[in-house]
N, C-alpha and C. Protein backbone atom coordinates (compact mmCIF):
# COMPACT_ATOMS: atom_id res chain seq x y z
N UNK A 1 6.21 4.68 -13.11
CA UNK A 1 5.16 4.76 -12.11
C UNK A 1 5.33 6.08 -11.36
N UNK A 2 4.23 6.71 -10.97
CA UNK A 2 4.34 7.95 -10.20
C UNK A 2 4.93 7.70 -8.81
N UNK A 3 5.43 8.76 -8.20
CA UNK A 3 5.99 8.66 -6.85
C UNK A 3 4.85 8.39 -5.87
N UNK A 4 5.00 7.35 -5.05
CA UNK A 4 3.98 6.99 -4.07
C UNK A 4 4.61 7.00 -2.69
N UNK A 5 4.12 7.89 -1.81
CA UNK A 5 4.62 7.95 -0.44
C UNK A 5 4.01 6.82 0.37
N UNK A 6 4.79 6.26 1.29
CA UNK A 6 4.31 5.18 2.15
C UNK A 6 5.01 5.27 3.50
N UNK A 7 4.23 5.33 4.57
CA UNK A 7 4.82 5.42 5.91
C UNK A 7 4.92 4.06 6.60
N UNK A 8 4.60 2.98 5.89
CA UNK A 8 4.69 1.63 6.46
C UNK A 8 6.13 1.15 6.28
N UNK A 9 6.99 1.55 7.20
CA UNK A 9 8.42 1.28 7.07
C UNK A 9 8.78 -0.19 7.20
N UNK A 10 7.89 -1.02 7.74
CA UNK A 10 8.18 -2.44 7.84
C UNK A 10 7.89 -3.20 6.54
N UNK A 11 7.43 -2.50 5.50
CA UNK A 11 7.17 -3.13 4.21
C UNK A 11 8.47 -3.23 3.41
N UNK A 12 8.70 -4.36 2.76
CA UNK A 12 9.94 -4.56 1.99
C UNK A 12 10.05 -3.60 0.81
N UNK A 13 8.94 -3.06 0.32
CA UNK A 13 8.95 -2.15 -0.83
C UNK A 13 9.24 -0.70 -0.42
N UNK A 14 9.28 -0.40 0.88
CA UNK A 14 9.49 0.97 1.34
C UNK A 14 10.97 1.32 1.30
N UNK A 15 11.29 2.42 0.64
CA UNK A 15 12.66 2.91 0.59
C UNK A 15 12.61 4.41 0.83
N UNK A 16 13.02 4.83 2.02
CA UNK A 16 13.03 6.25 2.39
C UNK A 16 11.62 6.86 2.24
N UNK A 17 10.62 6.15 2.77
CA UNK A 17 9.22 6.59 2.80
C UNK A 17 8.64 6.72 1.38
N UNK A 18 9.18 5.96 0.43
CA UNK A 18 8.66 5.93 -0.93
C UNK A 18 8.50 4.48 -1.37
N UNK A 19 7.34 4.15 -1.95
CA UNK A 19 7.05 2.79 -2.39
C UNK A 19 7.83 2.47 -3.66
N UNK A 20 8.58 1.36 -3.64
CA UNK A 20 9.38 0.93 -4.78
C UNK A 20 8.82 -0.34 -5.43
N UNK A 21 7.60 -0.73 -5.10
CA UNK A 21 6.98 -1.93 -5.68
C UNK A 21 6.80 -1.75 -7.18
N UNK A 22 6.95 -2.84 -7.95
CA UNK A 22 6.77 -2.74 -9.40
C UNK A 22 5.32 -2.47 -9.81
N UNK A 23 4.38 -2.77 -8.93
CA UNK A 23 2.97 -2.45 -9.15
C UNK A 23 2.29 -2.40 -7.80
N UNK A 24 1.16 -1.68 -7.73
CA UNK A 24 0.42 -1.51 -6.49
C UNK A 24 -0.98 -2.11 -6.67
N UNK A 25 -1.41 -2.89 -5.69
CA UNK A 25 -2.78 -3.40 -5.71
C UNK A 25 -3.47 -2.96 -4.44
N UNK A 26 -4.61 -2.28 -4.59
CA UNK A 26 -5.40 -1.82 -3.46
C UNK A 26 -6.80 -2.40 -3.60
N UNK A 27 -7.29 -3.02 -2.53
CA UNK A 27 -8.62 -3.62 -2.52
C UNK A 27 -9.49 -2.99 -1.45
N UNK A 28 -10.76 -3.29 -1.52
CA UNK A 28 -11.67 -2.84 -0.47
C UNK A 28 -11.39 -3.63 0.80
N UNK A 29 -11.56 -3.00 1.93
CA UNK A 29 -11.38 -3.63 3.23
C UNK A 29 -12.77 -4.03 3.74
N UNK A 30 -13.31 -5.10 3.20
CA UNK A 30 -14.66 -5.53 3.56
C UNK A 30 -15.61 -5.40 2.38
N UNK A 31 -16.86 -5.62 2.63
CA UNK A 31 -17.86 -5.60 1.57
C UNK A 31 -18.36 -4.19 1.31
N UNK A 32 -18.98 -4.01 0.16
CA UNK A 32 -19.59 -2.73 -0.16
C UNK A 32 -18.65 -1.78 -0.85
N UNK A 33 -19.13 -0.59 -1.12
CA UNK A 33 -18.37 0.43 -1.83
C UNK A 33 -17.55 1.25 -0.84
N UNK A 34 -16.26 1.45 -1.17
CA UNK A 34 -15.39 2.27 -0.32
C UNK A 34 -15.74 3.74 -0.48
N UNK A 35 -15.89 4.43 0.64
CA UNK A 35 -16.17 5.86 0.63
C UNK A 35 -15.09 6.66 1.34
N UNK A 36 -14.22 5.98 2.12
CA UNK A 36 -13.12 6.62 2.85
C UNK A 36 -11.87 5.76 2.69
N UNK A 37 -10.71 6.37 2.83
CA UNK A 37 -9.45 5.64 2.65
C UNK A 37 -9.28 4.48 3.62
N UNK A 38 -9.84 4.60 4.85
CA UNK A 38 -9.69 3.49 5.80
C UNK A 38 -10.57 2.29 5.45
N UNK A 39 -11.33 2.39 4.38
CA UNK A 39 -12.12 1.27 3.90
C UNK A 39 -11.40 0.54 2.75
N UNK A 40 -10.13 0.85 2.57
CA UNK A 40 -9.30 0.19 1.57
C UNK A 40 -8.05 -0.37 2.24
N UNK A 41 -7.35 -1.25 1.52
CA UNK A 41 -6.11 -1.83 2.05
C UNK A 41 -5.14 -2.13 0.92
N UNK A 42 -3.86 -2.05 1.21
CA UNK A 42 -2.81 -2.31 0.24
C UNK A 42 -2.50 -3.80 0.23
N UNK A 43 -2.76 -4.46 -0.90
CA UNK A 43 -2.47 -5.89 -1.04
C UNK A 43 -1.03 -6.13 -1.48
N UNK A 44 -0.29 -5.08 -1.79
CA UNK A 44 1.09 -5.20 -2.23
C UNK A 44 2.04 -5.36 -1.05
N UNK A 45 1.60 -5.04 0.15
CA UNK A 45 2.44 -5.08 1.37
C UNK A 45 3.12 -6.44 1.54
N UNK A 46 4.41 -6.41 1.80
CA UNK A 46 5.21 -7.58 2.14
C UNK A 46 6.14 -7.17 3.29
N UNK A 47 6.19 -7.99 4.35
CA UNK A 47 7.10 -7.71 5.47
C UNK A 47 8.54 -7.75 5.00
N UNK A 48 9.32 -6.79 5.45
CA UNK A 48 10.75 -6.81 5.13
C UNK A 48 11.45 -7.87 5.97
N UNK A 49 12.51 -8.41 5.43
CA UNK A 49 13.21 -9.47 6.17
C UNK A 49 14.38 -8.95 6.94
């Protein structure tokens, strides 16, 4: 998988500002077609313990 930067440090997949998830799922944040990044959301996020 390519290197993916992530600043969400409270996510369990974050390791030194790099996503270590085995796969990434990104969905639309609401209805309609996404035209800007803030109209999407990461479904892979998991709170670190």
